[in-house]
N, C-alpha and C. Protein backbone atom coordinates (compact mmCIF):
# COMPACT_ATOMS: atom_id res chain seq x y z
N MET A 1 -5.00 -12.43 6.01
CA MET A 1 -5.20 -11.34 5.09
C MET A 1 -3.82 -10.88 4.58
N LYS A 2 -3.78 -10.55 3.31
CA LYS A 2 -2.53 -10.06 2.72
C LYS A 2 -2.56 -8.53 2.68
N VAL A 3 -1.37 -7.95 2.81
CA VAL A 3 -1.19 -6.50 2.74
C VAL A 3 -0.17 -6.22 1.65
N LEU A 4 -0.51 -5.31 0.75
CA LEU A 4 0.36 -4.92 -0.36
C LEU A 4 0.92 -3.53 -0.10
N PHE A 5 2.21 -3.36 -0.37
CA PHE A 5 2.87 -2.06 -0.27
C PHE A 5 3.46 -1.72 -1.63
N VAL A 6 3.24 -0.49 -2.07
CA VAL A 6 3.81 -0.01 -3.32
C VAL A 6 4.45 1.34 -3.03
N GLU A 7 5.74 1.48 -3.37
CA GLU A 7 6.52 2.66 -3.01
C GLU A 7 7.01 3.37 -4.26
N GLY A 8 6.94 4.71 -4.23
CA GLY A 8 7.45 5.48 -5.35
C GLY A 8 7.53 6.97 -5.05
N LYS A 9 8.02 7.72 -6.02
CA LYS A 9 8.26 9.16 -5.84
C LYS A 9 7.04 10.03 -6.16
N TYR A 10 6.04 9.49 -6.86
CA TYR A 10 4.90 10.30 -7.29
C TYR A 10 3.60 9.67 -6.83
N PRO A 11 2.68 10.46 -6.26
CA PRO A 11 1.45 9.89 -5.70
C PRO A 11 0.38 9.53 -6.73
N GLU A 12 0.33 10.22 -7.86
CA GLU A 12 -0.78 10.01 -8.79
C GLU A 12 -0.89 8.58 -9.33
N PRO A 13 0.20 7.93 -9.75
CA PRO A 13 0.07 6.53 -10.17
C PRO A 13 -0.42 5.62 -9.05
N LEU A 14 -0.04 5.93 -7.82
CA LEU A 14 -0.49 5.13 -6.68
C LEU A 14 -1.98 5.33 -6.43
N ARG A 15 -2.42 6.60 -6.49
CA ARG A 15 -3.85 6.88 -6.33
C ARG A 15 -4.67 6.21 -7.43
N ALA A 16 -4.19 6.30 -8.66
CA ALA A 16 -4.91 5.69 -9.78
C ALA A 16 -5.02 4.18 -9.59
N LEU A 17 -3.94 3.55 -9.15
CA LEU A 17 -3.96 2.10 -8.91
C LEU A 17 -4.97 1.77 -7.81
N ALA A 18 -4.93 2.49 -6.71
CA ALA A 18 -5.82 2.21 -5.58
C ALA A 18 -7.28 2.39 -5.95
N ARG A 19 -7.58 3.39 -6.75
CA ARG A 19 -8.98 3.71 -7.08
C ARG A 19 -9.57 2.78 -8.13
N ARG A 20 -8.72 2.00 -8.80
CA ARG A 20 -9.23 1.03 -9.79
C ARG A 20 -9.82 -0.21 -9.14
N TYR A 21 -9.52 -0.43 -7.86
CA TYR A 21 -9.93 -1.64 -7.17
C TYR A 21 -10.71 -1.28 -5.90
N PRO A 22 -11.58 -2.19 -5.42
CA PRO A 22 -12.43 -1.88 -4.27
C PRO A 22 -11.79 -2.14 -2.90
N HIS A 23 -10.51 -2.38 -2.86
CA HIS A 23 -9.85 -2.76 -1.61
C HIS A 23 -9.53 -1.53 -0.75
N PRO A 24 -9.63 -1.67 0.59
CA PRO A 24 -9.26 -0.54 1.47
C PRO A 24 -7.77 -0.24 1.35
N TYR A 25 -7.44 1.05 1.40
CA TYR A 25 -6.04 1.45 1.25
C TYR A 25 -5.75 2.71 2.05
N ARG A 26 -4.45 2.97 2.20
CA ARG A 26 -3.95 4.23 2.75
C ARG A 26 -2.79 4.67 1.88
N LEU A 27 -2.66 5.98 1.67
CA LEU A 27 -1.52 6.53 0.95
C LEU A 27 -0.73 7.36 1.96
N LEU A 28 0.52 6.98 2.16
CA LEU A 28 1.39 7.64 3.14
C LEU A 28 2.46 8.45 2.41
N HIS A 29 2.95 9.50 3.07
CA HIS A 29 3.96 10.38 2.46
C HIS A 29 5.06 10.66 3.46
N ARG A 30 6.28 10.61 3.00
CA ARG A 30 7.45 10.97 3.81
C ARG A 30 8.16 12.11 3.09
N PRO A 31 7.81 13.37 3.42
CA PRO A 31 8.32 14.53 2.67
C PRO A 31 9.84 14.63 2.64
N GLU A 32 10.50 14.29 3.74
CA GLU A 32 11.96 14.44 3.79
C GLU A 32 12.67 13.52 2.81
N GLN A 33 12.00 12.49 2.34
CA GLN A 33 12.60 11.59 1.34
C GLN A 33 11.86 11.68 0.00
N ALA A 34 10.87 12.55 -0.09
CA ALA A 34 10.04 12.67 -1.30
C ALA A 34 9.54 11.29 -1.72
N LEU A 35 8.95 10.57 -0.77
CA LEU A 35 8.56 9.18 -0.98
C LEU A 35 7.10 8.99 -0.61
N PHE A 36 6.38 8.22 -1.43
CA PHE A 36 4.99 7.87 -1.17
C PHE A 36 4.89 6.35 -1.04
N LEU A 37 3.99 5.91 -0.16
CA LEU A 37 3.80 4.49 0.06
C LEU A 37 2.30 4.19 0.08
N LEU A 38 1.88 3.33 -0.83
CA LEU A 38 0.49 2.87 -0.86
C LEU A 38 0.42 1.57 -0.09
N GLU A 39 -0.53 1.48 0.83
CA GLU A 39 -0.76 0.29 1.63
C GLU A 39 -2.18 -0.19 1.34
N VAL A 40 -2.32 -1.44 0.90
CA VAL A 40 -3.63 -1.98 0.49
C VAL A 40 -3.87 -3.29 1.24
N TRP A 41 -5.10 -3.46 1.75
CA TRP A 41 -5.45 -4.67 2.50
C TRP A 41 -6.41 -5.53 1.69
N ALA A 42 -6.31 -6.84 1.89
CA ALA A 42 -7.24 -7.82 1.32
C ALA A 42 -7.38 -7.66 -0.19
N PHE A 43 -6.28 -7.50 -0.86
CA PHE A 43 -6.25 -7.28 -2.31
C PHE A 43 -6.28 -8.61 -3.05
N GLY A 44 -6.59 -8.54 -4.33
CA GLY A 44 -6.59 -9.73 -5.16
C GLY A 44 -5.34 -9.81 -6.02
N PRO A 45 -5.14 -10.93 -6.69
CA PRO A 45 -3.94 -11.12 -7.51
C PRO A 45 -3.84 -10.13 -8.67
N GLU A 46 -5.02 -9.65 -9.17
CA GLU A 46 -4.96 -8.68 -10.27
C GLU A 46 -4.31 -7.38 -9.84
N MET A 47 -4.60 -6.95 -8.62
CA MET A 47 -4.01 -5.70 -8.13
C MET A 47 -2.51 -5.85 -7.91
N GLU A 48 -2.09 -6.99 -7.40
CA GLU A 48 -0.66 -7.22 -7.19
C GLU A 48 0.07 -7.22 -8.53
N ALA A 49 -0.53 -7.84 -9.55
CA ALA A 49 0.07 -7.85 -10.88
C ALA A 49 0.15 -6.44 -11.46
N ALA A 50 -0.90 -5.64 -11.25
CA ALA A 50 -0.89 -4.26 -11.75
C ALA A 50 0.18 -3.43 -11.05
N ALA A 51 0.38 -3.66 -9.76
CA ALA A 51 1.42 -2.95 -9.01
C ALA A 51 2.80 -3.29 -9.54
N LEU A 52 3.01 -4.55 -9.88
CA LEU A 52 4.31 -4.97 -10.42
C LEU A 52 4.60 -4.34 -11.78
N ARG A 53 3.57 -3.95 -12.49
CA ARG A 53 3.76 -3.33 -13.81
C ARG A 53 4.04 -1.83 -13.74
N LEU A 54 3.91 -1.22 -12.57
CA LEU A 54 4.19 0.22 -12.45
C LEU A 54 5.70 0.45 -12.57
N GLU A 55 6.10 1.08 -13.63
CA GLU A 55 7.53 1.32 -13.87
C GLU A 55 8.07 2.37 -12.90
N GLY A 56 9.20 2.06 -12.27
CA GLY A 56 9.83 2.98 -11.33
C GLY A 56 9.29 2.88 -9.92
N TYR A 57 8.42 1.89 -9.65
CA TYR A 57 7.84 1.69 -8.32
C TYR A 57 8.23 0.31 -7.82
N ARG A 58 8.42 0.22 -6.51
CA ARG A 58 8.72 -1.08 -5.89
C ARG A 58 7.45 -1.56 -5.19
N SER A 59 7.20 -2.86 -5.23
CA SER A 59 6.05 -3.39 -4.50
C SER A 59 6.43 -4.70 -3.83
N TRP A 60 5.75 -4.97 -2.75
CA TRP A 60 5.94 -6.22 -2.04
C TRP A 60 4.68 -6.48 -1.22
N SER A 61 4.45 -7.72 -0.85
CA SER A 61 3.27 -8.06 -0.05
C SER A 61 3.66 -8.94 1.12
N PHE A 62 2.82 -8.87 2.13
CA PHE A 62 3.01 -9.64 3.35
C PHE A 62 1.70 -10.28 3.75
N GLU A 63 1.78 -11.37 4.47
CA GLU A 63 0.61 -11.99 5.08
C GLU A 63 0.51 -11.46 6.51
N LEU A 64 -0.63 -10.90 6.87
CA LEU A 64 -0.83 -10.35 8.21
C LEU A 64 -0.96 -11.51 9.19
N LEU A 65 -0.09 -11.55 10.20
CA LEU A 65 -0.11 -12.62 11.19
C LEU A 65 -0.91 -12.25 12.43
N GLU A 66 -0.79 -11.01 12.86
CA GLU A 66 -1.53 -10.58 14.04
C GLU A 66 -1.62 -9.07 14.08
N GLU A 67 -2.60 -8.59 14.80
CA GLU A 67 -2.76 -7.16 15.03
C GLU A 67 -2.69 -6.92 16.52
N GLY A 68 -2.03 -5.86 16.90
CA GLY A 68 -1.94 -5.53 18.32
C GLY A 68 -2.86 -4.39 18.68
N ARG A 69 -2.90 -4.11 19.95
CA ARG A 69 -3.74 -3.02 20.45
C ARG A 69 -2.98 -2.35 21.57
N ARG A 70 -3.04 -1.04 21.59
CA ARG A 70 -2.39 -0.30 22.68
C ARG A 70 -3.39 -0.12 23.81
N ASP A 71 -3.00 -0.50 24.99
CA ASP A 71 -3.83 -0.25 26.16
C ASP A 71 -3.51 1.14 26.68
N THR A 72 -4.53 1.87 27.07
CA THR A 72 -4.31 3.21 27.61
C THR A 72 -4.45 3.15 29.12
N VAL A 73 -3.67 3.92 29.78
CA VAL A 73 -3.70 3.99 31.24
C VAL A 73 -4.51 5.21 31.63
N SER A 74 -5.48 5.02 32.52
CA SER A 74 -6.34 6.14 32.95
C SER A 74 -5.77 6.80 34.18
């Protein structure tokens, strides 16, 4: 599965991008840097192309290799 990240200073373009497509996403915020990060899973090539067209935003994608799990101690 591929994961797409799109980073920028304003959340609305990120929200608009995420809501145009049916892929699961999360929008993260780092207030101390005034930075927003959109994380999208299992996206298609159209969404990646749309992310690249967002002026003033950086985007990159990764292939998910594995997921971990935290064990809890009782």
